[in-house]
Structure formats: C-alpha cells, structure tokens
Amino acid sequence: MSSSDQKKANFGNPIINLLITGLVYLFFTWILRPHVPAQTVLYQWIFSGFASMALTATFYLSINMFRVTLNDHKERKNQ
C-alpha cells in the first residue's frame, strides 16, 4: 500500500474527547486538593488545578492514542 492510499489516523469525535478531558481535569483537581500543602482554600484549589494539568495532558494523549489503536484494530479486523 502506498503512502497516498493510507488513511489518516482517526481520533474519534474531538468534542467528546475534550468533554471527557475536562471532566478528568475537574476530578483530578478535586482529588488533589487535600494533598496540597497550602493554608488557604483558594491556594489549595489553584495549586491542585495546576498540578492536575500535567495529569490531564497525559490522559488526553493516552485517550487519543487508545482511540487510534482501537480504530486501526477494527479496520484491520474488517479487512
């Protein structure tokens, strides 16, 4: 198969991916809040939100790679 015949990677619906990623961000922010060594509640929310950005970015990349792999598996299975 030549490179022009290959299909591009399919990441699924980007709106769904962003919605799930937003929910994961809120979940990580809520979970990390008690573990932040800050005296005020505002700083706990700020620093837990900052810490959850790295976890959310990792989740976003992971879910996209999972969807690409799953779609590729389904296409190869149907051939």
C-alpha atoms as a PDB file:
ATOM      1  CA  MET A   1       0.000   0.000   0.000  1.00  0.00           C
ATOM      2  CA  SER A   2       1.494   3.340  -0.996  1.00  0.00           C
ATOM      3  CA  SER A   3       1.553   6.330   1.313  1.00  0.00           C
ATOM      4  CA  SER A   4      -1.211   8.057  -0.671  1.00  0.00           C
ATOM      5  CA  ASP A   5      -3.521   5.056  -0.153  1.00  0.00           C
ATOM      6  CA  GLN A   6      -3.132   5.045   3.624  1.00  0.00           C
ATOM      7  CA  LYS A   7      -5.891   6.563   5.691  1.00  0.00           C
ATOM      8  CA  LYS A   8      -5.210   9.224   8.285  1.00  0.00           C
ATOM      9  CA  ALA A   9      -5.463   8.425  11.959  1.00  0.00           C
ATOM     10  CA  ASN A  10      -8.968   8.786  13.360  1.00  0.00           C
ATOM     11  CA  PHE A  11      -9.145  10.244  16.873  1.00  0.00           C
ATOM     12  CA  GLY A  12     -12.901   9.883  17.233  1.00  0.00           C
ATOM     13  CA  ASN A  13     -15.130  12.822  17.990  1.00  0.00           C
ATOM     14  CA  PRO A  14     -12.979  15.739  19.254  1.00  0.00           C
ATOM     15  CA  ILE A  15     -15.896  17.247  21.208  1.00  0.00           C
ATOM     16  CA  ILE A  16     -16.322  14.026  23.195  1.00  0.00           C
ATOM     17  CA  ASN A  17     -12.553  13.846  23.798  1.00  0.00           C
ATOM     18  CA  LEU A  18     -12.477  17.402  25.142  1.00  0.00           C
ATOM     19  CA  LEU A  19     -15.573  16.828  27.286  1.00  0.00           C
ATOM     20  CA  ILE A  20     -14.068  13.705  28.875  1.00  0.00           C
ATOM     21  CA  THR A  21     -10.745  15.505  29.347  1.00  0.00           C
ATOM     22  CA  GLY A  22     -12.496  18.398  31.081  1.00  0.00           C
ATOM     23  CA  LEU A  23     -14.239  16.000  33.441  1.00  0.00           C
ATOM     24  CA  VAL A  24     -10.924  14.285  34.201  1.00  0.00           C
ATOM     25  CA  TYR A  25      -9.354  17.697  34.926  1.00  0.00           C
ATOM     26  CA  LEU A  26     -12.108  18.524  37.411  1.00  0.00           C
ATOM     27  CA  PHE A  27     -11.782  15.082  39.004  1.00  0.00           C
ATOM     28  CA  PHE A  28      -8.001  15.381  39.425  1.00  0.00           C
ATOM     29  CA  THR A  29      -8.360  18.913  40.808  1.00  0.00           C
ATOM     30  CA  TRP A  30     -10.891  17.703  43.362  1.00  0.00           C
ATOM     31  CA  ILE A  31      -8.797  14.642  44.322  1.00  0.00           C
ATOM     32  CA  LEU A  32      -5.509  16.566  44.663  1.00  0.00           C
ATOM     33  CA  ARG A  33      -6.921  19.430  46.745  1.00  0.00           C
ATOM     34  CA  PRO A  34      -6.418  17.791  50.171  1.00  0.00           C
ATOM     35  CA  HIS A  35      -2.820  16.889  49.298  1.00  0.00           C
ATOM     36  CA  VAL A  36      -1.694  20.459  48.583  1.00  0.00           C
ATOM     37  CA  PRO A  37       0.318  21.999  51.448  1.00  0.00           C
ATOM     38  CA  ALA A  38      -1.414  25.407  51.412  1.00  0.00           C
ATOM     39  CA  GLN A  39      -3.036  27.285  54.260  1.00  0.00           C
ATOM     40  CA  THR A  40      -6.000  28.814  52.429  1.00  0.00           C
ATOM     41  CA  VAL A  41      -8.701  27.093  50.424  1.00  0.00           C
ATOM     42  CA  LEU A  42      -8.121  29.366  47.416  1.00  0.00           C
ATOM     43  CA  TYR A  43      -4.465  28.340  47.175  1.00  0.00           C
ATOM     44  CA  GLN A  44      -5.432  24.698  47.546  1.00  0.00           C
ATOM     45  CA  TRP A  45      -7.729  24.980  44.527  1.00  0.00           C
ATOM     46  CA  ILE A  46      -5.160  26.945  42.493  1.00  0.00           C
ATOM     47  CA  PHE A  47      -2.267  24.571  43.150  1.00  0.00           C
ATOM     48  CA  SER A  48      -4.337  21.427  42.755  1.00  0.00           C
ATOM     49  CA  GLY A  49      -5.587  22.781  39.417  1.00  0.00           C
ATOM     50  CA  PHE A  50      -2.022  23.498  38.358  1.00  0.00           C
ATOM     51  CA  ALA A  51      -0.859  20.010  39.392  1.00  0.00           C
ATOM     52  CA  SER A  52      -3.753  18.326  37.629  1.00  0.00           C
ATOM     53  CA  MET A  53      -2.827  19.939  34.288  1.00  0.00           C
ATOM     54  CA  ALA A  54       0.056  17.509  33.778  1.00  0.00           C
ATOM     55  CA  LEU A  55      -2.122  14.529  34.649  1.00  0.00           C
ATOM     56  CA  THR A  56      -4.865  15.756  32.336  1.00  0.00           C
ATOM     57  CA  ALA A  57      -2.433  16.272  29.445  1.00  0.00           C
ATOM     58  CA  THR A  58      -1.185  12.717  29.909  1.00  0.00           C
ATOM     59  CA  PHE A  59      -4.768  11.466  29.955  1.00  0.00           C
ATOM     60  CA  TYR A  60      -5.608  13.404  26.768  1.00  0.00           C
ATOM     61  CA  LEU A  61      -2.666  11.913  24.891  1.00  0.00           C
ATOM     62  CA  SER A  62      -3.471   8.449  26.217  1.00  0.00           C
ATOM     63  CA  ILE A  63      -7.141   8.542  25.229  1.00  0.00           C
ATOM     64  CA  ASN A  64      -6.274   9.734  21.724  1.00  0.00           C
ATOM     65  CA  MET A  65      -3.674   7.017  21.236  1.00  0.00           C
ATOM     66  CA  PHE A  66      -6.139   4.431  22.550  1.00  0.00           C
ATOM     67  CA  ARG A  67      -8.775   5.582  20.050  1.00  0.00           C
ATOM     68  CA  VAL A  68      -6.295   5.479  17.161  1.00  0.00           C
ATOM     69  CA  THR A  69      -5.236   1.971  18.123  1.00  0.00           C
ATOM     70  CA  LEU A  70      -8.825   0.793  18.577  1.00  0.00           C
ATOM     71  CA  ASN A  71      -9.917   2.218  15.218  1.00  0.00           C
ATOM     72  CA  ASP A  72      -6.911   0.660  13.492  1.00  0.00           C
ATOM     73  CA  HIS A  73      -7.697  -2.695  15.106  1.00  0.00           C
ATOM     74  CA  LYS A  74     -11.333  -2.505  13.962  1.00  0.00           C
ATOM     75  CA  GLU A  75     -10.306  -1.639  10.388  1.00  0.00           C
ATOM     76  CA  ARG A  76      -7.797  -4.482  10.201  1.00  0.00           C
ATOM     77  CA  LYS A  77     -10.340  -6.885  11.660  1.00  0.00           C
ATOM     78  CA  ASN A  78     -12.897  -5.918   8.980  1.00  0.00           C
ATOM     79  CA  GLN A  79     -10.452  -6.401   6.087  1.00  0.00           C
END
